[in-house]
Amino acid sequence: MAGWMWLRCVLGPHLQRIHRSPEQSRTDGRYGCIIDCTVWRSFISSVKFICLFSSLQASALWSLSYYSSPLLLCYLYRKGYICSSKLVPVSQYLGTVLVCLLGVACLRGWGRWKNLEYLQFISILEATKKNHTPENKVSPRQLDTSTEHQNLKLSKAGVSLLKPEPRLRGAADSVLNSVRTLPCQIISFLVAHSFGRRMLYPGSVGLLQKAMRPMLQQGQARLIEEFDGQRNKLVACDGNEIDTMFVDRRRDGGETGQTLVICCEGNAGFYEVGCMNTPLEGGYSVLGWNHPGFGGSTGVPFPQNEANAMDVVIQFAIHRLGFQLSDIVIYAWSIGGFTASWAVMSYPEIQSLVLDASFDDLLPLALKVMPDSWRPLVQYTVRQYMNLNNAEQLLKGPEDVMSNRGNDLLLKLLQFRYPKIMTDEGIRVVRQWLGSFNHLEEASVYSGYEVDDDWCVSVLQSYQAERDVLFPWSVGEDMTLEGRRQLALFLARKYMRNFETTHCTPLPASEFHSPWRL
C-alpha cells in the first residue's frame, strides 16, 4: 500500500489549489490555499516566478526545436555529425539528462509524500474513480488539479458542417486540375496546420497559455468559490475533452436564472476570464466552455472540432443540466460567432442568439491582411480548412468589405428574412443608418424617414397572424417605397444594438438583453 501511494505521489496529477466552499466567509483566512507539491512550502513564494519563467523558456525552446528540426537534421548530416562515432557522446549526455529527470521526479514524490493535503487528495480521487457518487464528487470539486473532474460522453456521432459548393467539371478536366493544383493543396495544408491555425486561434498557443496560467487559475477559483461553479469535462464525438464551467442560478428564484446562457469565447478567450461575466452579472444561469486546445480542453480548434465541441455542450445542457432548448440563449463574442451560428442552425428551437463584435465570413478579413499575390492560396486555405461562414450558417444563403463585418452580417440576415423589404432602396437606407457616427446621428436618420414604430409592428403582426410561415417572409411585396423604407429601418434597429467600444472590451451586463420578439 505504501509503495503504491509513493508511486501515485511521483506520477500523480498536480494539486494547485484547495478551493474554499461558497458557504465560507470571505474574511476567512483560508481563502484558497495554493500548493505546489514539487517543492517545500517555505520556498513556494521565492521560486514561483522562477518556475514560471523557466517553463516559458522551455516551451519556447521546444517549439523552436520542433519546427526547426528538419533543417537542423539536414545541417548536422551535411556536417557529418550524424554517425556512430559522434552519437556516443550525445547518448551519454542524454543518459545524464534522464538520470537528472528521474532525480527531480523522486524529489517531487518525496515532497508530495510529506504533504498531508496531497495524500488526502489522492485518497479522494481514487474513491471518486471507484464510486462516482454525488457525495464523493463534492470533495474533488474543492480541489483544482491537472486532471479532469469528470468525463461525460454524450455526443455519439459526428456533426455536419456546411461545405463550399464544388465547381462542376468534366472527369478529365477534374483530374488534370487536381494534378495542377496539387502543390497549392500541399502548401495550403502545411499553412493551415502550422502557423495559420495559431494565427487564427492564438489562445491555443501553449506559450500564451503558460503566461496566462496564474490569471486563468484565479478566474477559475472565482467562479467556483464565489458563484459555486461546477466544472465538468465533456468528451466530444472526436475524442476531444471540452473543459466547461456551469453556474446554476435556478434556485435563486429569479426569472433570468431560469434561462441558460451558453457563452462562446473569442480566439484568445477563456471561460475563466472571458465573456461569462456579462450574463453572470445579469443573474442568468451560465455555461462556459473552452475551445479545443484552450485551457483544460484538448485537441485543436479547427471548424469541425469546434462544431463537435458545441454539440456536446448543448447535449450536456439538455440531458444533464435539465434545460429545454427554448430556455437556452447562445451568447458569442468575436470568432465565437462561428460555433454560435452553427448551434442555431443545428438547433433551431434555441430561444435566441446574441452576437457581440462578430463577423459574417472569415475570408474577406483574411484577404484584407494578406498580400494580394497570396489571394488564391488564402481562398483555398480558408475554404478548405478554416471556413468560418457565420452568415451562411445563419441564413444558409456578394461580397462587400465594410469597415465592420457585423454590419454585413446584419444586411445578409435581413435580406434573407425580408427580401421584399430589403430591396436596393431598403439596403441603401439601412446602410445610411449603419454609417452613423453616434447615437444622435442614428436618431436623426431614423426620424428623417418618419418611421412609425406602431405602424411597423402592426404590419408585421398582421402578416404573421394571417400566414404564420417560416422565413423568408414576403411582407412588403405590395407596399409603397416609403413603407418599405420605414420597415427596413425599424427591423435594422430591432435586430442590432450599437454599443460604442473597442473590440476586446467585454460587453457590460446593462447591454445584455434578450433579442426582440414580434
Protein backbone atom coordinates (compact mmCIF):
# COMPACT_ATOMS: atom_id res chain seq x y z
CA MET A 1 0.00 0.00 0.00
CA ALA A 2 2.79 2.42 0.88
CA GLY A 3 4.62 1.60 -2.35
CA TRP A 4 1.50 2.22 -4.40
CA MET A 5 0.91 5.55 -2.62
CA TRP A 6 4.54 6.57 -3.28
CA LEU A 7 4.10 5.77 -6.98
CA ARG A 8 0.95 7.90 -7.08
CA CYS A 9 2.89 10.75 -5.45
CA VAL A 10 5.57 10.54 -8.16
CA LEU A 11 3.26 10.13 -11.18
CA GLY A 12 0.06 11.71 -9.87
CA PRO A 13 -1.53 14.97 -11.01
CA HIS A 14 -0.58 18.39 -9.72
CA LEU A 15 -2.61 19.86 -6.89
CA GLN A 16 -2.58 23.60 -7.42
CA ARG A 17 -5.32 24.95 -5.17
CA ILE A 18 -7.77 23.99 -2.45
CA HIS A 19 -10.92 25.99 -3.08
CA ARG A 20 -12.93 27.35 -0.19
CA SER A 21 -16.61 26.45 -0.25
CA PRO A 22 -19.16 29.18 -1.14
CA GLU A 23 -20.54 28.97 2.42
CA GLN A 24 -17.23 30.06 3.93
CA SER A 25 -16.92 33.72 4.85
CA ARG A 26 -14.81 35.85 2.55
CA THR A 27 -12.99 37.05 5.66
CA ASP A 28 -11.84 33.52 6.35
CA GLY A 29 -8.09 33.43 6.38
CA ARG A 30 -8.01 30.35 4.17
CA TYR A 31 -9.37 31.98 1.04
CA GLY A 32 -7.67 29.49 -1.21
CA CYS A 33 -4.52 27.59 -0.45
CA ILE A 34 -2.07 27.49 -3.36
CA ILE A 35 0.00 24.32 -3.29
CA ASP A 36 2.97 23.38 -5.43
CA CYS A 37 3.89 19.87 -4.45
CA THR A 38 7.23 19.82 -6.23
CA VAL A 39 8.98 22.00 -3.62
CA TRP A 40 8.69 22.63 0.06
CA ARG A 41 6.09 25.13 1.22
CA SER A 42 8.69 27.51 2.63
CA PHE A 43 10.21 28.04 -0.83
CA ILE A 44 6.98 28.49 -2.83
CA SER A 45 6.88 32.28 -2.82
CA SER A 46 10.53 32.64 -3.81
CA VAL A 47 10.63 30.11 -6.66
CA LYS A 48 7.16 30.66 -8.14
CA PHE A 49 8.28 33.30 -10.63
CA ILE A 50 11.46 31.36 -11.46
CA CYS A 51 9.47 28.19 -12.23
CA LEU A 52 7.05 30.09 -14.46
CA PHE A 53 9.90 31.84 -16.31
CA SER A 54 11.76 28.55 -16.77
CA SER A 55 8.58 26.89 -18.03
CA LEU A 56 8.08 29.66 -20.59
CA GLN A 57 11.70 29.34 -21.70
CA ALA A 58 11.40 25.57 -22.03
CA SER A 59 8.19 25.89 -24.07
CA ALA A 60 9.76 28.45 -26.38
CA LEU A 61 12.87 26.31 -26.89
CA TRP A 62 10.75 23.20 -27.50
CA SER A 63 8.58 24.98 -30.08
CA LEU A 64 11.66 26.39 -31.82
CA SER A 65 13.37 22.99 -31.84
CA TYR A 66 10.25 21.18 -33.03
CA TYR A 67 9.64 23.36 -36.08
CA SER A 68 13.31 23.76 -36.99
CA SER A 69 14.21 20.07 -36.52
CA PRO A 70 14.10 19.16 -40.26
CA LEU A 71 16.55 21.94 -41.11
CA LEU A 72 18.71 21.10 -38.09
CA LEU A 73 18.93 17.41 -39.02
CA CYS A 74 19.91 18.30 -42.60
CA TYR A 75 22.64 20.63 -41.29
CA LEU A 76 24.01 18.03 -38.86
CA TYR A 77 24.02 15.36 -41.58
CA ARG A 78 25.93 17.57 -44.04
CA LYS A 79 28.48 18.42 -41.34
CA GLY A 80 28.99 14.73 -40.54
CA TYR A 81 27.67 14.81 -37.00
CA ILE A 82 25.13 12.02 -37.58
CA CYS A 83 27.43 9.00 -37.39
CA SER A 84 28.04 6.24 -34.85
CA SER A 85 31.32 7.68 -33.52
CA LYS A 86 29.82 11.06 -32.79
CA LEU A 87 26.50 9.79 -31.49
CA VAL A 88 28.11 8.14 -28.44
CA PRO A 89 28.79 11.43 -26.57
CA VAL A 90 25.25 12.51 -27.39
CA SER A 91 23.81 9.31 -25.92
CA GLN A 92 25.91 9.79 -22.78
CA TYR A 93 24.61 13.33 -22.45
CA LEU A 94 21.01 12.15 -22.88
CA GLY A 95 21.58 9.48 -20.23
CA THR A 96 22.80 12.12 -17.79
CA VAL A 97 19.73 14.22 -18.51
CA LEU A 98 17.49 11.20 -17.94
CA VAL A 99 19.10 10.50 -14.56
CA CYS A 100 18.58 14.13 -13.57
CA LEU A 101 14.93 13.96 -14.57
CA LEU A 102 14.43 10.81 -12.51
CA GLY A 103 16.02 12.57 -9.55
CA VAL A 104 13.66 15.51 -9.91
CA ALA A 105 10.69 13.13 -10.10
CA CYS A 106 11.77 11.37 -6.91
CA LEU A 107 12.25 14.71 -5.18
CA ARG A 108 8.75 15.73 -6.24
CA GLY A 109 7.35 12.45 -4.97
CA TRP A 110 9.09 12.90 -1.61
CA GLY A 111 7.69 16.42 -1.27
CA ARG A 112 4.19 15.15 -2.00
CA TRP A 113 4.68 12.21 0.39
CA LYS A 114 5.29 14.69 3.20
CA ASN A 115 2.27 16.75 2.21
CA LEU A 116 -0.81 15.56 4.09
CA GLU A 117 -3.18 17.58 1.90
CA TYR A 118 -1.84 15.91 -1.25
CA LEU A 119 -2.23 12.43 0.30
CA GLN A 120 -5.80 13.32 1.20
CA PHE A 121 -6.36 14.47 -2.37
CA ILE A 122 -5.07 11.16 -3.79
CA SER A 123 -7.38 9.23 -1.47
CA ILE A 124 -10.40 11.33 -2.52
CA LEU A 125 -9.51 10.97 -6.20
CA GLU A 126 -9.26 7.19 -6.00
CA ALA A 127 -12.52 6.93 -4.07
CA THR A 128 -14.28 9.04 -6.69
CA LYS A 129 -12.95 6.88 -9.53
CA LYS A 130 -14.21 3.70 -7.84
CA ASN A 131 -17.60 5.10 -6.80
CA HIS A 132 -18.64 8.25 -8.68
CA THR A 133 -21.41 9.34 -6.31
CA PRO A 134 -22.54 12.92 -5.60
CA GLU A 135 -21.08 12.58 -2.08
CA ASN A 136 -17.64 11.69 -3.41
CA LYS A 137 -17.84 14.37 -6.11
CA VAL A 138 -18.24 17.18 -3.56
CA SER A 139 -14.69 16.83 -2.29
CA PRO A 140 -12.83 16.92 -5.63
CA ARG A 141 -14.82 19.99 -6.65
CA GLN A 142 -12.96 21.93 -3.98
CA LEU A 143 -9.62 20.93 -5.50
CA ASP A 144 -8.00 22.48 -8.55
CA THR A 145 -5.95 19.76 -10.21
CA SER A 146 -4.35 18.95 -13.54
CA THR A 147 -6.85 16.12 -14.20
CA GLU A 148 -10.45 16.28 -15.34
CA HIS A 149 -13.22 16.49 -12.78
CA GLN A 150 -15.49 14.11 -14.66
CA ASN A 151 -15.87 12.79 -18.17
CA LEU A 152 -19.31 12.85 -19.74
CA LYS A 153 -19.53 11.34 -23.21
CA LEU A 154 -22.82 12.48 -24.69
CA SER A 155 -22.17 13.04 -28.40
CA LYS A 156 -22.27 9.71 -30.22
CA ALA A 157 -21.77 10.65 -33.87
CA GLY A 158 -20.09 13.32 -35.94
CA VAL A 159 -21.87 16.58 -36.67
CA SER A 160 -22.22 18.18 -40.09
CA LEU A 161 -20.83 21.46 -41.40
CA LEU A 162 -21.81 23.50 -44.42
CA LYS A 163 -19.29 22.78 -47.17
CA PRO A 164 -18.35 25.11 -50.04
CA GLU A 165 -20.13 24.17 -53.24
CA PRO A 166 -17.82 22.25 -55.61
CA ARG A 167 -17.33 23.56 -59.13
CA LEU A 168 -18.78 21.26 -61.79
CA ARG A 169 -16.10 19.95 -64.17
CA GLY A 170 -15.71 17.08 -66.56
CA ALA A 171 -13.93 13.94 -65.38
CA ALA A 172 -10.75 14.54 -67.43
CA ASP A 173 -10.68 18.22 -66.59
CA SER A 174 -11.14 17.42 -62.89
CA VAL A 175 -8.16 15.03 -62.83
CA LEU A 176 -5.97 17.48 -64.72
CA ASN A 177 -6.96 20.32 -62.41
CA SER A 178 -6.21 18.19 -59.33
CA VAL A 179 -2.70 17.46 -60.58
CA ARG A 180 -2.14 21.11 -61.47
CA THR A 181 -3.28 22.38 -58.07
CA LEU A 182 -1.51 19.67 -56.04
CA PRO A 183 1.38 21.95 -54.95
CA CYS A 184 -1.11 24.57 -53.80
CA GLN A 185 -3.04 21.93 -51.86
CA ILE A 186 0.11 20.72 -50.09
CA ILE A 187 1.19 24.26 -49.19
CA SER A 188 -2.33 25.04 -48.03
CA PHE A 189 -2.38 22.02 -45.73
CA LEU A 190 1.00 22.95 -44.23
CA VAL A 191 -0.04 26.58 -43.73
CA ALA A 192 -3.35 25.67 -42.08
CA HIS A 193 -1.81 23.12 -39.70
CA SER A 194 1.21 25.22 -38.71
CA PHE A 195 1.11 29.00 -38.29
CA GLY A 196 -2.32 29.51 -39.90
CA ARG A 197 -4.28 27.85 -37.14
CA ARG A 198 -2.19 29.58 -34.48
CA MET A 199 -2.74 32.98 -36.08
CA LEU A 200 -6.47 32.38 -36.18
CA TYR A 201 -6.65 30.99 -32.63
CA PRO A 202 -3.70 32.45 -30.66
CA GLY A 203 -5.26 31.18 -27.45
CA SER A 204 -4.28 27.64 -28.46
CA VAL A 205 -0.56 28.52 -28.35
CA GLY A 206 1.00 26.81 -25.33
CA LEU A 207 3.36 29.69 -24.61
CA LEU A 208 0.47 32.14 -24.25
CA GLN A 209 -1.45 29.74 -22.03
CA LYS A 210 1.53 29.30 -19.73
CA ALA A 211 1.93 33.07 -19.43
CA MET A 212 -1.79 33.40 -18.60
CA ARG A 213 -1.92 30.43 -16.22
CA PRO A 214 -1.98 32.47 -12.95
CA MET A 215 -4.79 34.65 -14.34
CA LEU A 216 -6.76 31.61 -15.51
CA GLN A 217 -6.37 29.88 -12.15
CA GLN A 218 -7.62 32.95 -10.33
CA GLY A 219 -10.57 33.28 -12.69
CA GLN A 220 -11.50 29.63 -12.28
CA ALA A 221 -11.19 29.91 -8.48
CA ARG A 222 -13.51 32.92 -8.51
CA LEU A 223 -16.18 31.06 -10.49
CA ILE A 224 -16.03 28.08 -8.12
CA GLU A 225 -15.67 29.90 -4.82
CA GLU A 226 -17.91 32.93 -5.36
CA PHE A 227 -20.53 31.52 -7.76
CA ASP A 228 -20.47 27.83 -6.75
CA GLY A 229 -19.42 26.91 -10.27
CA GLN A 230 -19.38 23.26 -11.34
CA ARG A 231 -16.51 22.19 -13.57
CA ASN A 232 -17.02 19.26 -15.95
CA LYS A 233 -15.11 17.78 -18.85
CA LEU A 234 -17.20 16.56 -21.76
CA VAL A 235 -15.97 14.07 -24.35
CA ALA A 236 -16.94 15.15 -27.86
CA CYS A 237 -17.53 12.68 -30.70
CA ASP A 238 -13.96 13.23 -31.97
CA GLY A 239 -12.49 12.27 -28.58
CA ASN A 240 -11.57 15.81 -27.53
CA GLU A 241 -12.20 16.68 -23.90
CA ILE A 242 -14.04 20.00 -23.55
CA ASP A 243 -13.49 21.89 -20.30
CA THR A 244 -16.70 23.56 -19.07
CA MET A 245 -17.92 25.64 -16.13
CA PHE A 246 -21.59 25.81 -15.11
CA VAL A 247 -23.12 28.34 -12.72
CA ASP A 248 -26.67 27.43 -11.68
CA ARG A 249 -28.95 30.33 -10.75
CA ARG A 250 -32.26 28.44 -10.92
CA ARG A 251 -32.51 28.02 -7.17
CA ASP A 252 -32.17 31.78 -6.63
CA GLY A 253 -35.78 32.21 -7.72
CA GLY A 254 -35.21 34.96 -10.27
CA GLU A 255 -36.73 34.89 -13.73
CA THR A 256 -33.42 35.33 -15.52
CA GLY A 257 -31.93 32.40 -13.59
CA GLN A 258 -34.27 30.02 -15.40
CA THR A 259 -32.55 30.91 -18.68
CA LEU A 260 -29.22 29.29 -19.54
CA VAL A 261 -26.70 31.42 -21.42
CA ILE A 262 -24.07 29.34 -23.24
CA CYS A 263 -21.00 31.51 -23.86
CA CYS A 264 -18.75 31.09 -26.91
CA GLU A 265 -15.40 32.82 -26.40
CA GLY A 266 -13.15 34.68 -28.84
CA ASN A 267 -9.95 33.44 -30.45
CA ALA A 268 -7.89 34.28 -27.35
CA GLY A 269 -10.67 33.99 -24.79
CA PHE A 270 -11.12 31.50 -21.97
CA TYR A 271 -14.21 30.97 -19.85
CA GLU A 272 -12.10 31.75 -16.76
CA VAL A 273 -11.63 35.39 -17.81
CA GLY A 274 -13.95 35.77 -20.80
CA CYS A 275 -17.48 36.83 -21.64
CA MET A 276 -19.10 34.65 -18.93
CA ASN A 277 -19.01 37.64 -16.60
CA THR A 278 -21.59 39.61 -18.60
CA PRO A 279 -24.56 37.19 -18.18
CA LEU A 280 -23.37 36.33 -14.65
CA GLU A 281 -23.80 39.95 -13.62
CA GLY A 282 -27.25 39.85 -15.22
CA GLY A 283 -28.35 36.99 -12.96
CA TYR A 284 -28.53 34.27 -15.65
CA SER A 285 -27.52 30.64 -15.34
CA VAL A 286 -24.33 30.39 -17.39
CA LEU A 287 -22.42 27.58 -19.09
CA GLY A 288 -18.95 28.48 -20.35
CA TRP A 289 -16.57 26.26 -22.30
CA ASN A 290 -13.09 26.46 -23.76
CA HIS A 291 -12.26 25.89 -27.43
CA PRO A 292 -10.40 22.64 -28.23
CA GLY A 293 -6.76 23.20 -27.29
CA PHE A 294 -7.60 26.08 -24.93
CA GLY A 295 -7.02 25.77 -21.18
CA GLY A 296 -8.22 22.38 -19.96
CA SER A 297 -9.69 21.36 -23.33
CA THR A 298 -7.78 19.00 -25.61
CA GLY A 299 -7.46 18.94 -29.39
CA VAL A 300 -7.02 21.72 -31.95
CA PRO A 301 -9.61 24.39 -32.88
CA PHE A 302 -10.43 23.55 -36.49
CA PRO A 303 -14.06 24.19 -37.58
CA GLN A 304 -15.12 20.54 -37.37
CA ASN A 305 -13.68 20.20 -33.87
CA GLU A 306 -15.35 23.46 -32.86
CA ALA A 307 -18.76 22.21 -34.05
CA ASN A 308 -18.24 18.89 -32.27
CA ALA A 309 -17.46 20.74 -29.05
CA MET A 310 -20.51 22.99 -29.38
CA ASP A 311 -22.70 19.95 -29.96
CA VAL A 312 -21.60 18.11 -26.82
CA VAL A 313 -22.00 21.30 -24.75
CA ILE A 314 -25.62 21.67 -25.91
CA GLN A 315 -26.29 17.97 -25.31
CA PHE A 316 -24.86 18.35 -21.80
CA ALA A 317 -27.12 21.34 -21.13
CA ILE A 318 -30.19 19.39 -22.22
CA HIS A 319 -29.59 15.89 -20.87
CA ARG A 320 -27.55 16.53 -17.72
CA LEU A 321 -28.40 20.05 -16.63
CA GLY A 322 -32.09 19.73 -17.49
CA PHE A 323 -32.63 22.81 -19.67
CA GLN A 324 -35.00 22.89 -22.62
CA LEU A 325 -33.79 24.31 -25.93
CA SER A 326 -36.39 27.07 -25.55
CA ASP A 327 -34.63 28.10 -22.31
CA ILE A 328 -31.17 28.41 -23.90
CA VAL A 329 -29.57 31.63 -25.19
CA ILE A 330 -26.30 31.46 -27.15
CA TYR A 331 -24.00 34.41 -26.45
CA ALA A 332 -20.89 34.72 -28.62
CA TRP A 333 -18.00 37.13 -28.80
CA SER A 334 -15.90 37.65 -31.93
CA ILE A 335 -14.84 34.34 -33.51
CA GLY A 336 -17.23 32.52 -31.17
CA GLY A 337 -19.92 33.57 -33.62
CA PHE A 338 -19.00 30.55 -35.74
CA THR A 339 -19.99 27.96 -33.14
CA ALA A 340 -22.95 30.10 -32.08
CA SER A 341 -24.31 30.33 -35.62
CA TRP A 342 -23.73 26.60 -36.07
CA ALA A 343 -25.73 25.97 -32.90
CA VAL A 344 -28.80 27.93 -34.01
CA MET A 345 -28.57 26.33 -37.46
CA SER A 346 -28.48 22.82 -35.97
CA TYR A 347 -30.86 23.50 -33.07
CA PRO A 348 -33.45 25.99 -34.40
CA GLU A 349 -35.54 25.62 -31.23
CA ILE A 350 -32.92 27.60 -29.25
CA GLN A 351 -34.52 30.67 -27.71
CA SER A 352 -32.22 33.35 -29.10
CA LEU A 353 -28.74 34.29 -30.27
CA VAL A 354 -26.65 37.28 -29.14
CA LEU A 355 -23.57 38.15 -31.23
CA ASP A 356 -21.04 40.62 -29.86
CA ALA A 357 -18.36 42.06 -32.20
CA SER A 358 -18.62 39.11 -34.61
CA PHE A 359 -18.35 38.91 -38.40
CA ASP A 360 -20.12 37.36 -41.37
CA ASP A 361 -17.27 35.48 -43.07
CA LEU A 362 -13.58 34.92 -42.36
CA LEU A 363 -12.41 35.11 -45.99
CA PRO A 364 -12.77 38.90 -46.51
CA LEU A 365 -10.87 39.52 -43.28
CA ALA A 366 -8.09 37.13 -44.30
CA LEU A 367 -7.76 38.66 -47.77
CA LYS A 368 -7.54 42.11 -46.23
CA VAL A 369 -4.42 41.33 -44.15
CA MET A 370 -2.58 39.01 -46.56
CA PRO A 371 -0.63 40.05 -49.69
CA ASP A 372 -2.60 40.18 -52.95
CA SER A 373 -0.20 37.70 -54.53
CA TRP A 374 -1.34 35.13 -51.97
CA ARG A 375 -5.03 35.52 -52.84
CA PRO A 376 -5.57 32.06 -54.48
CA LEU A 377 -3.72 30.32 -51.64
CA VAL A 378 -5.66 32.24 -48.96
CA GLN A 379 -9.00 31.49 -50.62
CA TYR A 380 -8.28 27.79 -50.89
CA THR A 381 -6.89 27.51 -47.33
CA VAL A 382 -9.79 29.33 -45.71
CA ARG A 383 -12.49 27.47 -47.60
CA GLN A 384 -10.91 24.04 -47.08
CA TYR A 385 -9.62 24.25 -43.51
CA MET A 386 -10.91 27.40 -41.80
CA ASN A 387 -14.30 28.07 -43.36
CA LEU A 388 -15.87 30.22 -40.64
CA ASN A 389 -19.01 31.08 -42.62
CA ASN A 390 -21.19 32.65 -39.92
CA ALA A 391 -23.65 34.37 -42.25
CA GLU A 392 -24.13 31.26 -44.39
CA GLN A 393 -24.93 29.23 -41.31
CA LEU A 394 -27.39 31.84 -40.06
CA LEU A 395 -29.36 32.05 -43.29
CA LYS A 396 -27.93 29.24 -45.43
CA GLY A 397 -27.70 31.86 -48.11
CA PRO A 398 -21.98 39.32 -52.79
CA GLU A 399 -19.03 40.26 -51.07
CA ASP A 400 -18.84 43.84 -49.80
CA VAL A 401 -15.97 44.61 -47.48
CA MET A 402 -17.25 47.18 -44.98
CA SER A 403 -15.40 48.64 -42.01
CA ASN A 404 -17.45 46.47 -39.65
CA ARG A 405 -18.23 42.91 -40.74
CA GLY A 406 -21.08 42.84 -38.21
CA ASN A 407 -22.90 45.35 -40.43
CA ASP A 408 -22.61 42.97 -43.36
CA LEU A 409 -23.91 40.13 -41.21
CA LEU A 410 -27.00 42.21 -40.36
CA LEU A 411 -27.66 43.06 -44.02
CA LYS A 412 -27.40 39.44 -45.13
CA LEU A 413 -29.76 38.32 -42.38
CA LEU A 414 -32.36 40.96 -43.20
CA GLN A 415 -32.11 40.25 -46.94
CA PHE A 416 -32.77 36.59 -46.31
CA ARG A 417 -35.69 37.07 -43.91
CA TYR A 418 -37.38 40.08 -45.58
CA PRO A 419 -36.40 40.06 -49.29
CA LYS A 420 -39.34 42.27 -50.39
CA ILE A 421 -38.40 44.95 -47.86
CA MET A 422 -34.64 44.76 -48.35
CA THR A 423 -34.64 45.84 -51.97
CA ASP A 424 -31.98 48.24 -53.28
CA GLU A 425 -33.71 51.17 -51.59
CA GLY A 426 -34.11 49.27 -48.30
CA ILE A 427 -30.44 48.34 -48.32
CA ARG A 428 -29.49 51.95 -49.05
CA VAL A 429 -31.35 53.42 -46.06
CA VAL A 430 -30.06 50.73 -43.72
CA ARG A 431 -26.50 51.41 -44.88
CA GLN A 432 -27.09 55.10 -44.24
CA TRP A 433 -28.25 54.27 -40.70
CA LEU A 434 -25.29 51.94 -40.13
CA GLY A 435 -22.91 54.64 -41.30
CA SER A 436 -23.93 56.99 -38.48
CA PHE A 437 -21.05 58.06 -36.25
CA ASN A 438 -23.02 58.32 -32.99
CA HIS A 439 -26.45 57.78 -31.45
CA LEU A 440 -27.58 61.32 -32.29
CA GLU A 441 -26.87 60.79 -35.98
CA GLU A 442 -28.65 57.41 -35.84
CA ALA A 443 -31.71 59.07 -34.35
CA SER A 444 -31.54 61.81 -36.99
CA VAL A 445 -31.55 59.26 -39.84
CA TYR A 446 -34.37 57.31 -38.18
CA SER A 447 -36.58 60.36 -37.63
CA GLY A 448 -35.70 61.78 -41.08
CA TYR A 449 -37.63 58.92 -42.70
CA GLU A 450 -40.50 59.42 -40.23
CA VAL A 451 -40.52 55.81 -39.06
CA ASP A 452 -43.74 54.96 -37.21
CA ASP A 453 -42.88 52.10 -34.84
CA ASP A 454 -46.52 51.27 -34.02
CA TRP A 455 -47.42 51.03 -37.70
CA CYS A 456 -44.43 48.77 -38.40
CA VAL A 457 -45.37 46.43 -35.55
CA SER A 458 -48.99 46.21 -36.70
CA VAL A 459 -47.95 45.40 -40.29
CA LEU A 460 -45.63 42.63 -39.18
CA GLN A 461 -48.09 41.21 -36.65
CA SER A 462 -50.94 41.10 -39.17
CA TYR A 463 -48.71 39.32 -41.69
CA GLN A 464 -47.65 36.80 -39.05
CA ALA A 465 -51.24 36.20 -37.92
CA GLU A 466 -52.55 35.65 -41.44
CA ARG A 467 -49.78 33.33 -42.64
CA ASP A 468 -47.67 32.16 -39.68
CA VAL A 469 -44.94 30.94 -42.01
CA LEU A 470 -41.23 30.46 -41.55
CA PHE A 471 -38.68 32.81 -43.05
CA PRO A 472 -38.25 34.25 -45.63
CA TRP A 473 -41.35 36.47 -45.47
CA SER A 474 -42.93 38.23 -48.46
CA VAL A 475 -44.19 41.13 -46.35
CA GLY A 476 -43.77 44.46 -48.19
CA GLU A 477 -44.48 42.98 -51.61
CA ASP A 478 -47.41 45.35 -52.38
CA MET A 479 -46.16 48.25 -50.28
CA THR A 480 -45.13 51.76 -51.20
CA LEU A 481 -41.47 52.74 -51.31
CA GLU A 482 -41.92 54.87 -48.19
CA GLY A 483 -43.42 51.95 -46.26
CA ARG A 484 -40.57 49.61 -47.18
CA ARG A 485 -38.05 52.23 -46.04
CA GLN A 486 -39.76 52.52 -42.67
CA LEU A 487 -39.87 48.76 -42.19
CA ALA A 488 -36.22 48.36 -43.24
CA LEU A 489 -35.02 50.90 -40.67
CA PHE A 490 -37.38 49.56 -37.98
CA LEU A 491 -36.14 45.99 -38.42
CA ALA A 492 -32.48 47.05 -38.55
CA ARG A 493 -32.81 48.87 -35.22
CA LYS A 494 -34.58 45.92 -33.63
CA TYR A 495 -32.01 43.37 -34.84
CA MET A 496 -28.88 45.36 -33.96
CA ARG A 497 -27.90 47.47 -30.95
CA ASN A 498 -24.89 49.74 -31.31
CA PHE A 499 -22.52 49.91 -28.33
CA GLU A 500 -19.52 52.18 -28.85
CA THR A 501 -16.37 50.44 -27.61
CA THR A 502 -13.24 48.59 -28.72
CA HIS A 503 -13.26 45.00 -29.94
CA CYS A 504 -11.68 43.50 -26.81
CA THR A 505 -13.86 45.33 -24.26
CA PRO A 506 -16.32 42.95 -22.53
CA LEU A 507 -20.00 43.77 -23.02
CA PRO A 508 -21.48 45.37 -19.85
CA ALA A 509 -24.32 43.49 -18.22
CA SER A 510 -26.58 46.51 -18.78
CA GLU A 511 -26.21 46.00 -22.55
CA PHE A 512 -27.00 42.26 -22.49
CA HIS A 513 -30.67 41.94 -23.46
CA SER A 514 -32.88 39.19 -24.80
CA PRO A 515 -33.45 39.71 -28.54
CA TRP A 516 -36.56 41.49 -29.78
CA ARG A 517 -39.64 39.38 -30.45
CA LEU A 518 -42.65 40.38 -32.51
